[in-house]
Amino acid sequence: MSSASSTSPIDRVLQLATHLTTNHNNNMQNGSHHADAFADVPLAPPDAIFQLTAAYKADKFDKKVNLGVGAYRDNEGKPWVLPVVKKAKALIQEQENIDHEYLAITGLADFTKASPKLIFGPDSDAIKENRVSAVQTISGTGANHLAALFLYKYYGPWKGKSDAEKVIYLSNPTWANHKAIFANIGCKTIDYPYYDAKTISLDFENFKKTLNEIPESSVVLLHACAHNPTGVDPTQDQWKEIAGIFEKRALFAFFDCAYQGFASGDLDNDAWAVRHFVDRKIPLLVCQSYAKNAGLYGERIGCLNVVSKDADEAKRVLSQLSVLQRSEISNPPSFGARIVSMLLNDEQMFQEWIRDVKTMAGRIIEMREALYDQLVNKLHTPGDWKHITTQIGMFSFTGLNPEQCKKMVENAHIYMTGNGRISMAGLNTNNVQYVAECIDKAVRGTL
């Protein structure tokens, strides 16, 4: 009988374990062990807003309030599906010829033809002259990414420059995701003065001063309306001055428009700045999102619009946008695009959508007035609270400092970010008094 046949099962297991351990050690010494492939990957910090929402959901306090979420809520604090969107969904389901085939690389044609008209206006010379290249994107985030990628590769003044010289100027503060999007592409970001914490208003003079000092042909990101996160927008006269500087210094306007109609309740009014820049033939692009104004947060429907000097250039721009899109997402999603296309192309549904948008914007405006009334007229809270009603859109910078914000979260169970930003959509007639009372206590140091 061979030695192998006389070996017990337990011995054979031990021999196998020894063999595997020896190979493991050899691989470790040779630097080829797979477990080391990601050994140096650091643990990323959790997203602040999502972490805030998770903490809110876990809280058992009966008066808890979530003022961190960037999504519309009705007066009962619940998500609201727009009635016109429900109607559009029902109509889509009734269409027997609807399938699940791929869209074109640049998106649903009916959508990409209509979306530019919403932001530029149907009578815009840029549209009539075929100078707009429109591509359906993964909401506003995808539009920002594709826009930055296109500029990185093809923006003329950046030709031959290093990544460190490909700079996008961002307002201080701005949407938290802007810096991450541009950094991932390779662009450098630099802040420009925008918000004055002392006056809780636009730092207009320093904003203009910086625009006059940065290199000519620089790329500057502008929030078209309802600035996120401050809620502070330039007036139309201030926009005219800003446009004049862009014109004089050949600056490129990178407009991010996530709240058209959602800011004032008027789609045309919220597009005023963009249209003014187009009228002055300032080089620009616009990123659109339908997450907020159509309540299609999870459908991820957006549009990137690049305005060129003529139709030939626009054709070439669209061809390269198509190439970039193909390499990243191949084809955008169809369902949400079909919904928005209905809202934009059917006149009756468009009017219904306008009413729904006014409902959302109107409720937020009412909450601003209610909070102001509680702080000023009912509680006589120290300080000037006019900014609550003069700011616009979903968000408001309250002026509360980090320590006060911390007490709002820990002691009052009112969830908000440490910079004092609150989502006005989180307020309703059932909680606005409680929130106001807690702000009053935080300001007085008694919370």
Protein backbone atom coordinates (compact mmCIF):
# COMPACT_ATOMS: atom_id res chain seq x y z
CA MET A 1 0.00 0.00 0.00
CA SER A 2 1.37 3.43 -0.91
CA SER A 3 2.00 6.14 1.65
CA ALA A 4 -0.72 8.24 0.03
CA SER A 5 -3.35 5.59 0.57
CA SER A 6 -2.41 5.25 4.22
CA THR A 7 -2.85 8.98 4.88
CA SER A 8 -5.96 9.79 6.90
CA PRO A 9 -8.54 12.28 5.62
CA ILE A 10 -7.60 14.69 8.39
CA ASP A 11 -3.93 14.52 7.42
CA ARG A 12 -4.81 15.20 3.78
CA VAL A 13 -6.80 18.31 4.79
CA LEU A 14 -3.84 19.56 6.85
CA GLN A 15 -1.47 18.92 3.93
CA LEU A 16 -3.77 20.89 1.59
CA ALA A 17 -3.98 23.76 4.06
CA THR A 18 -0.16 23.81 4.31
CA HIS A 19 0.12 23.82 0.52
CA LEU A 20 -2.36 26.72 0.15
CA THR A 21 -0.65 28.71 2.91
CA THR A 22 2.74 28.25 1.25
CA ASN A 23 1.37 29.44 -2.12
CA HIS A 24 -0.37 32.37 -0.39
CA ASN A 25 2.88 33.46 1.24
CA ASN A 26 4.79 33.11 -2.02
CA ASN A 27 2.20 35.22 -3.82
CA MET A 28 2.36 37.85 -1.09
CA GLN A 29 6.15 38.00 -1.43
CA ASN A 30 5.87 38.28 -5.19
CA GLY A 31 3.34 41.11 -4.85
CA SER A 32 0.77 39.26 -6.95
CA HIS A 33 -1.91 38.48 -4.37
CA HIS A 34 -5.27 39.82 -5.55
CA ALA A 35 -6.28 41.07 -2.09
CA ASP A 36 -3.69 43.85 -2.39
CA ALA A 37 -5.24 45.31 -5.56
CA PHE A 38 -7.37 47.80 -3.59
CA ALA A 39 -5.51 47.83 -0.28
CA ASP A 40 -4.84 51.56 -0.48
CA VAL A 41 -8.40 52.65 -1.26
CA PRO A 42 -9.44 55.06 1.51
CA LEU A 43 -12.91 55.06 3.03
CA ALA A 44 -14.80 58.03 1.60
CA PRO A 45 -16.87 60.19 3.93
CA PRO A 46 -20.65 59.78 3.54
CA ASP A 47 -22.59 62.36 1.54
CA ALA A 48 -23.69 65.03 4.02
CA ILE A 49 -27.24 65.41 2.69
CA PHE A 50 -27.94 61.69 2.46
CA GLN A 51 -26.45 61.16 5.90
CA LEU A 52 -28.73 63.90 7.24
CA THR A 53 -31.76 62.23 5.67
CA ALA A 54 -30.78 58.85 7.13
CA ALA A 55 -30.48 60.38 10.60
CA TYR A 56 -33.89 62.00 10.18
CA LYS A 57 -35.51 58.69 9.21
CA ALA A 58 -34.01 56.95 12.24
CA ASP A 59 -35.21 59.67 14.63
CA LYS A 60 -38.31 58.72 16.68
CA PHE A 61 -39.08 62.27 17.88
CA ASP A 62 -42.69 63.14 16.99
CA LYS A 63 -41.93 66.76 15.95
CA LYS A 64 -38.85 66.03 13.84
CA VAL A 65 -38.45 68.11 10.66
CA ASN A 66 -36.28 67.45 7.60
CA LEU A 67 -35.06 70.75 6.11
CA GLY A 68 -32.12 69.17 4.30
CA VAL A 69 -33.78 67.30 1.45
CA GLY A 70 -33.61 68.98 -1.97
CA ALA A 71 -36.96 67.74 -3.22
CA TYR A 72 -40.45 69.21 -3.18
CA ARG A 73 -42.85 68.09 -0.47
CA ASP A 74 -46.57 68.87 -0.20
CA ASN A 75 -48.20 70.42 2.86
CA GLU A 76 -48.33 66.99 4.48
CA GLY A 77 -44.59 66.55 4.03
CA LYS A 78 -45.00 63.90 1.34
CA PRO A 79 -43.59 63.60 -2.21
CA TRP A 80 -45.97 65.03 -4.81
CA VAL A 81 -46.50 63.51 -8.24
CA LEU A 82 -47.68 66.33 -10.51
CA PRO A 83 -51.25 65.72 -11.79
CA VAL A 84 -50.13 66.46 -15.34
CA VAL A 85 -47.35 63.88 -14.99
CA LYS A 86 -49.89 61.28 -13.85
CA LYS A 87 -51.93 62.12 -16.95
CA ALA A 88 -48.89 61.80 -19.22
CA LYS A 89 -47.98 58.42 -17.70
CA ALA A 90 -51.49 57.12 -18.30
CA LEU A 91 -51.42 58.26 -21.93
CA ILE A 92 -48.04 56.58 -22.49
CA GLN A 93 -49.36 53.30 -21.09
CA GLU A 94 -52.29 53.43 -23.51
CA GLN A 95 -50.03 53.72 -26.56
CA GLU A 96 -49.71 50.28 -28.11
CA ASN A 97 -46.70 51.24 -30.24
CA ILE A 98 -44.52 52.15 -27.25
CA ASP A 99 -41.55 49.82 -26.93
CA HIS A 100 -38.31 49.61 -24.97
CA GLU A 101 -35.91 50.07 -27.86
CA TYR A 102 -32.86 52.34 -27.56
CA LEU A 103 -33.28 56.04 -28.13
CA ALA A 104 -30.85 57.85 -30.39
CA ILE A 105 -27.51 58.62 -28.75
CA THR A 106 -28.53 62.28 -28.35
CA GLY A 107 -31.94 61.35 -26.94
CA LEU A 108 -35.63 61.54 -27.86
CA ALA A 109 -35.89 63.90 -30.83
CA ASP A 110 -39.22 65.43 -29.77
CA PHE A 111 -37.67 66.20 -26.39
CA THR A 112 -34.38 67.68 -27.64
CA LYS A 113 -36.25 69.86 -30.12
CA ALA A 114 -38.64 71.22 -27.49
CA SER A 115 -36.34 71.60 -24.48
CA PRO A 116 -34.22 74.44 -25.95
CA LYS A 117 -37.42 76.39 -26.68
CA LEU A 118 -38.32 76.26 -23.00
CA ILE A 119 -35.08 77.90 -21.86
CA PHE A 120 -34.32 80.18 -24.84
CA GLY A 121 -37.90 80.96 -25.86
CA PRO A 122 -39.61 79.69 -29.05
CA ASP A 123 -38.74 82.89 -30.92
CA SER A 124 -35.04 82.85 -29.99
CA ASP A 125 -32.73 83.75 -32.86
CA ALA A 126 -30.36 81.00 -31.70
CA ILE A 127 -33.08 78.42 -32.37
CA LYS A 128 -34.31 79.98 -35.61
CA GLU A 129 -30.75 80.08 -36.94
CA ASN A 130 -30.09 76.43 -35.92
CA ARG A 131 -27.25 77.47 -33.61
CA VAL A 132 -28.29 75.25 -30.67
CA SER A 133 -26.90 71.74 -30.19
CA ALA A 134 -29.18 69.88 -27.74
CA VAL A 135 -28.45 66.50 -26.15
CA GLN A 136 -30.64 64.60 -23.67
CA THR A 137 -28.65 63.89 -20.50
CA ILE A 138 -28.85 62.08 -17.17
CA SER A 139 -30.64 65.00 -15.51
CA GLY A 140 -28.74 68.19 -14.63
CA THR A 141 -25.81 66.26 -13.19
CA GLY A 142 -25.23 64.51 -16.49
CA ALA A 143 -25.61 67.78 -18.38
CA ASN A 144 -22.94 69.41 -16.21
CA HIS A 145 -20.62 66.45 -16.71
CA LEU A 146 -21.06 66.27 -20.49
CA ALA A 147 -20.69 70.04 -20.79
CA ALA A 148 -17.44 70.06 -18.82
CA LEU A 149 -16.08 67.09 -20.76
CA PHE A 150 -16.87 68.81 -24.06
CA LEU A 151 -15.18 72.03 -22.93
CA TYR A 152 -12.17 70.07 -21.65
CA LYS A 153 -11.65 68.60 -25.10
CA TYR A 154 -12.82 71.34 -27.46
CA TYR A 155 -13.03 74.80 -25.85
CA GLY A 156 -10.78 76.91 -28.13
CA PRO A 157 -9.05 79.09 -25.49
CA TRP A 158 -8.08 75.89 -23.59
CA LYS A 159 -6.30 74.36 -26.59
CA GLY A 160 -2.77 73.29 -25.65
CA LYS A 161 -3.26 74.15 -21.97
CA SER A 162 -2.56 71.87 -19.03
CA ASP A 163 -5.29 70.62 -16.70
CA ALA A 164 -4.23 73.22 -14.13
CA GLU A 165 -4.97 75.94 -16.70
CA LYS A 166 -8.41 74.57 -17.62
CA VAL A 167 -10.29 76.47 -14.94
CA ILE A 168 -14.03 76.70 -14.27
CA TYR A 169 -14.94 79.53 -11.89
CA LEU A 170 -17.68 78.67 -9.38
CA SER A 171 -19.71 80.84 -7.05
CA ASN A 172 -18.85 80.66 -3.37
CA PRO A 173 -20.87 78.76 -2.30
CA THR A 174 -22.31 76.57 -5.04
CA TRP A 175 -24.08 73.23 -5.42
CA ALA A 176 -21.82 70.77 -3.61
CA ASN A 177 -21.61 68.40 -6.58
CA HIS A 178 -20.18 70.98 -9.00
CA LYS A 179 -16.60 70.69 -7.77
CA ALA A 180 -16.66 66.89 -7.77
CA ILE A 181 -18.03 66.71 -11.32
CA PHE A 182 -15.41 69.04 -12.78
CA ALA A 183 -12.52 67.59 -10.77
CA ASN A 184 -13.32 64.09 -12.04
CA ILE A 185 -12.96 65.32 -15.61
CA GLY A 186 -9.66 67.06 -14.93
CA CYS A 187 -10.80 70.67 -14.80
CA LYS A 188 -9.59 72.94 -12.01
CA THR A 189 -12.17 74.92 -10.04
CA ILE A 190 -11.69 78.33 -8.44
CA ASP A 191 -14.27 80.15 -6.31
CA TYR A 192 -15.50 83.65 -7.06
CA PRO A 193 -17.18 85.85 -4.40
CA TYR A 194 -20.95 85.55 -4.47
CA TYR A 195 -22.60 85.41 -1.06
CA ASP A 196 -21.98 87.94 1.71
CA ALA A 197 -22.66 86.19 5.03
CA LYS A 198 -22.66 89.51 6.92
CA THR A 199 -25.50 91.01 4.90
CA ILE A 200 -27.05 87.65 3.90
CA SER A 201 -27.19 88.91 0.32
CA LEU A 202 -25.30 89.03 -2.97
CA ASP A 203 -21.69 90.20 -2.75
CA PHE A 204 -22.20 92.03 -6.02
CA GLU A 205 -19.25 94.41 -6.02
CA ASN A 206 -16.68 91.72 -5.26
CA PHE A 207 -18.39 89.43 -7.78
CA LYS A 208 -17.97 92.05 -10.52
CA LYS A 209 -14.44 92.86 -9.41
CA THR A 210 -13.41 89.22 -9.80
CA LEU A 211 -15.04 88.95 -13.23
CA ASN A 212 -12.98 91.94 -14.31
CA GLU A 213 -9.74 90.42 -12.98
CA ILE A 214 -9.83 86.78 -14.11
CA PRO A 215 -8.17 85.93 -17.46
CA GLU A 216 -10.12 86.77 -20.62
CA SER A 217 -12.11 83.91 -22.16
CA SER A 218 -12.41 82.22 -18.76
CA VAL A 219 -15.29 79.79 -18.15
CA VAL A 220 -17.65 80.99 -15.41
CA LEU A 221 -20.51 78.90 -14.04
CA LEU A 222 -23.69 80.87 -13.35
CA HIS A 223 -26.92 79.70 -11.72
CA ALA A 224 -29.71 80.73 -14.09
CA CYS A 225 -32.21 81.20 -11.24
CA ALA A 226 -32.87 80.10 -7.65
CA HIS A 227 -29.20 79.92 -6.72
CA ASN A 228 -28.33 76.71 -4.90
CA PRO A 229 -27.70 76.80 -1.97
CA THR A 230 -28.23 80.47 -1.06
CA GLY A 231 -31.50 81.38 -2.79
CA VAL A 232 -29.83 84.72 -3.64
CA ASP A 233 -30.20 85.80 -7.28
CA PRO A 234 -28.99 88.95 -9.06
CA THR A 235 -31.69 91.40 -10.11
CA GLN A 236 -32.30 91.95 -13.83
CA ASP A 237 -30.30 95.18 -13.68
CA GLN A 238 -27.44 93.32 -12.00
CA TRP A 239 -27.63 90.57 -14.66
CA LYS A 240 -27.24 93.28 -17.31
CA GLU A 241 -24.06 94.51 -15.62
CA ILE A 242 -22.75 90.96 -15.36
CA ALA A 243 -23.50 90.36 -19.04
CA GLY A 244 -21.65 93.56 -19.92
CA ILE A 245 -18.49 92.26 -18.23
CA PHE A 246 -18.82 88.90 -19.98
CA GLU A 247 -19.19 90.74 -23.29
CA LYS A 248 -16.23 93.03 -22.68
CA ARG A 249 -13.88 90.29 -21.50
CA ALA A 250 -15.05 87.47 -23.82
CA LEU A 251 -15.95 85.27 -20.84
CA PHE A 252 -17.79 81.98 -21.46
CA ALA A 253 -21.09 81.54 -19.57
CA PHE A 254 -21.70 78.03 -18.23
CA PHE A 255 -25.35 78.25 -17.10
CA ASP A 256 -26.77 75.63 -14.76
CA CYS A 257 -30.58 75.76 -14.75
CA ALA A 258 -32.12 73.26 -12.35
CA TYR A 259 -35.14 75.31 -11.24
CA GLN A 260 -36.80 76.98 -14.23
CA GLY A 261 -40.37 77.81 -13.20
CA PHE A 262 -39.74 76.40 -9.75
CA ALA A 263 -38.17 79.66 -8.56
CA SER A 264 -40.82 82.28 -9.26
CA GLY A 265 -43.60 80.13 -10.69
CA ASP A 266 -43.02 81.76 -14.09
CA LEU A 267 -41.05 79.72 -16.66
CA ASP A 268 -40.22 82.77 -18.78
CA ASN A 269 -39.21 84.95 -15.85
CA ASP A 270 -36.81 82.29 -14.56
CA ALA A 271 -35.16 82.09 -18.00
CA TRP A 272 -34.60 85.84 -18.25
CA ALA A 273 -30.85 85.87 -17.56
CA VAL A 274 -30.09 83.12 -20.07
CA ARG A 275 -32.15 84.82 -22.78
CA HIS A 276 -30.47 88.14 -22.10
CA PHE A 277 -27.03 86.58 -22.57
CA VAL A 278 -28.17 84.92 -25.81
CA ASP A 279 -29.54 88.21 -27.11
CA ARG A 280 -26.13 89.78 -26.50
CA LYS A 281 -24.48 86.86 -28.34
CA ILE A 282 -22.30 85.94 -25.37
CA PRO A 283 -20.81 82.45 -25.86
CA LEU A 284 -22.60 80.02 -23.58
CA LEU A 285 -24.13 76.67 -22.82
CA VAL A 286 -27.07 75.74 -20.60
CA CYS A 287 -27.62 72.63 -18.47
CA GLN A 288 -31.31 71.89 -17.87
CA SER A 289 -32.91 69.57 -15.34
CA TYR A 290 -36.53 68.39 -15.09
CA ALA A 291 -36.08 66.81 -11.67
CA LYS A 292 -37.56 69.72 -9.75
CA ASN A 293 -40.00 71.47 -12.09
CA ALA A 294 -41.58 68.20 -13.29
CA GLY A 295 -41.05 66.25 -10.08
CA LEU A 296 -39.16 63.58 -12.05
CA TYR A 297 -36.30 63.18 -9.58
CA GLY A 298 -35.67 59.51 -10.20
CA GLU A 299 -36.25 59.53 -13.96
CA ARG A 300 -33.05 61.55 -14.55
CA ILE A 301 -34.16 63.77 -17.42
CA GLY A 302 -31.98 66.69 -18.44
CA CYS A 303 -30.70 68.49 -21.50
CA LEU A 304 -27.42 70.12 -22.48
CA ASN A 305 -27.72 73.05 -24.88
CA VAL A 306 -24.60 74.48 -26.51
CA VAL A 307 -25.06 77.73 -28.46
CA SER A 308 -22.68 78.16 -31.42
CA LYS A 309 -21.88 81.13 -33.67
CA ASP A 310 -23.56 79.55 -36.73
CA ALA A 311 -25.40 76.42 -37.94
CA ASP A 312 -22.26 74.76 -39.32
CA GLU A 313 -20.45 75.03 -36.00
CA ALA A 314 -23.55 73.73 -34.19
CA LYS A 315 -23.59 70.67 -36.43
CA ARG A 316 -19.96 69.91 -35.63
CA VAL A 317 -20.53 70.48 -31.91
CA LEU A 318 -23.48 68.07 -31.90
CA SER A 319 -21.41 65.41 -33.67
CA GLN A 320 -18.73 65.52 -30.96
CA LEU A 321 -21.27 65.62 -28.12
CA SER A 322 -22.74 62.47 -29.65
CA VAL A 323 -19.34 60.76 -29.66
CA LEU A 324 -18.73 61.66 -26.00
CA GLN A 325 -22.21 60.55 -24.94
CA ARG A 326 -21.82 57.24 -26.79
CA SER A 327 -18.66 56.40 -24.86
CA GLU A 328 -20.24 57.14 -21.47
CA ILE A 329 -23.92 56.17 -21.37
CA SER A 330 -24.53 55.06 -24.97
CA ASN A 331 -28.23 56.06 -24.87
CA PRO A 332 -30.28 58.12 -22.40
CA PRO A 333 -33.48 56.79 -20.74
CA SER A 334 -36.77 57.02 -22.63
CA PHE A 335 -39.67 57.00 -20.15
CA GLY A 336 -39.08 60.34 -18.46
CA ALA A 337 -38.17 61.94 -21.79
CA ARG A 338 -41.53 60.85 -23.21
CA ILE A 339 -43.31 62.42 -20.25
CA VAL A 340 -41.48 65.76 -20.55
CA SER A 341 -41.92 65.71 -24.33
CA MET A 342 -45.68 65.54 -23.82
CA LEU A 343 -45.59 68.44 -21.37
CA LEU A 344 -43.57 70.57 -23.78
CA ASN A 345 -45.28 69.71 -27.06
CA ASP A 346 -48.97 69.40 -26.18
CA GLU A 347 -50.39 72.88 -25.56
CA GLN A 348 -53.13 71.74 -23.19
CA MET A 349 -50.72 69.67 -21.13
CA PHE A 350 -48.20 72.50 -21.18
CA GLN A 351 -50.78 74.81 -19.58
CA GLU A 352 -51.59 72.14 -17.00
CA TRP A 353 -47.89 71.82 -16.24
CA ILE A 354 -47.61 75.59 -15.77
CA ARG A 355 -50.40 75.40 -13.19
CA ASP A 356 -48.67 72.54 -11.37
CA VAL A 357 -45.36 74.43 -11.35
CA LYS A 358 -47.13 77.48 -9.93
CA THR A 359 -48.66 75.27 -7.22
CA MET A 360 -45.20 74.13 -6.09
CA ALA A 361 -43.55 77.55 -6.34
CA GLY A 362 -46.55 79.19 -4.69
CA ARG A 363 -46.50 76.88 -1.68
CA ILE A 364 -42.81 77.57 -1.13
CA ILE A 365 -43.38 81.32 -1.37
CA GLU A 366 -46.20 80.98 1.19
CA MET A 367 -43.86 79.12 3.55
CA ARG A 368 -41.29 81.89 3.23
CA GLU A 369 -43.94 84.43 4.20
CA ALA A 370 -45.18 82.24 7.06
CA LEU A 371 -41.70 81.75 8.51
CA TYR A 372 -40.98 85.47 8.21
CA ASP A 373 -44.27 86.28 9.94
CA GLN A 374 -43.52 83.93 12.82
CA LEU A 375 -39.98 85.25 13.36
CA VAL A 376 -40.71 88.95 12.97
CA ASN A 377 -44.32 89.54 13.99
CA LYS A 378 -45.02 86.72 16.45
CA LEU A 379 -41.67 86.00 18.12
CA HIS A 380 -39.79 89.27 17.52
CA THR A 381 -36.64 87.24 16.91
CA PRO A 382 -33.46 89.39 17.07
CA GLY A 383 -32.02 90.25 13.67
CA ASP A 384 -33.22 91.27 10.22
CA TRP A 385 -35.14 88.45 8.55
CA LYS A 386 -36.07 90.12 5.27
CA HIS A 387 -33.82 87.68 3.42
CA ILE A 388 -36.31 84.89 4.13
CA THR A 389 -38.76 86.48 1.68
CA THR A 390 -36.31 88.13 -0.73
CA GLN A 391 -34.41 84.92 -1.40
CA ILE A 392 -35.98 82.70 -4.04
CA GLY A 393 -36.45 79.04 -4.89
CA MET A 394 -36.25 75.87 -2.85
CA PHE A 395 -33.38 76.87 -0.56
CA SER A 396 -32.73 79.63 1.90
CA PHE A 397 -29.62 80.67 3.78
CA THR A 398 -31.01 81.47 7.22
CA GLY A 399 -27.92 83.17 8.59
CA LEU A 400 -27.66 80.71 11.47
CA ASN A 401 -24.06 79.88 12.41
CA PRO A 402 -22.68 76.30 12.67
CA GLU A 403 -23.15 76.11 16.44
CA GLN A 404 -26.77 77.22 16.17
CA CYS A 405 -27.36 74.72 13.36
CA LYS A 406 -25.88 71.95 15.48
CA LYS A 407 -28.30 72.75 18.32
CA MET A 408 -31.19 72.80 15.84
CA VAL A 409 -30.34 69.23 14.88
CA GLU A 410 -29.35 67.81 18.26
CA ASN A 411 -31.80 69.61 20.56
CA ALA A 412 -34.77 70.39 18.32
CA HIS A 413 -34.59 67.42 15.90
CA ILE A 414 -34.72 69.86 12.97
CA TYR A 415 -32.37 68.45 10.35
CA MET A 416 -30.42 71.06 8.39
CA THR A 417 -26.88 71.51 7.07
CA GLY A 418 -24.20 73.21 9.15
CA ASN A 419 -23.97 76.25 6.85
CA GLY A 420 -27.48 77.39 7.75
CA ARG A 421 -29.16 76.28 4.54
CA ILE A 422 -32.71 75.00 4.76
CA SER A 423 -35.06 73.57 2.16
CA MET A 424 -38.22 75.65 2.22
CA ALA A 425 -40.10 72.66 0.80
CA GLY A 426 -39.60 70.94 4.16
CA LEU A 427 -41.78 73.55 5.85
CA ASN A 428 -45.57 73.27 6.01
CA THR A 429 -48.47 74.69 7.98
CA ASN A 430 -48.07 71.93 10.55
CA ASN A 431 -44.42 72.57 11.45
CA VAL A 432 -43.55 76.17 10.52
CA GLN A 433 -44.43 77.50 13.98
CA TYR A 434 -42.26 74.88 15.70
CA VAL A 435 -39.34 75.58 13.36
CA ALA A 436 -39.65 79.33 13.92
CA GLU A 437 -39.74 78.88 17.71
CA CYS A 438 -36.58 76.75 17.57
CA ILE A 439 -34.78 79.28 15.35
CA ASP A 440 -35.78 81.97 17.82
CA LYS A 441 -34.34 79.97 20.71
CA ALA A 442 -31.16 79.21 18.76
CA VAL A 443 -30.63 82.92 18.05
CA ARG A 444 -31.28 83.84 21.68
CA GLY A 445 -28.98 81.05 22.93
CA THR A 446 -31.70 79.20 24.82
CA LEU A 447 -32.11 76.13 22.60
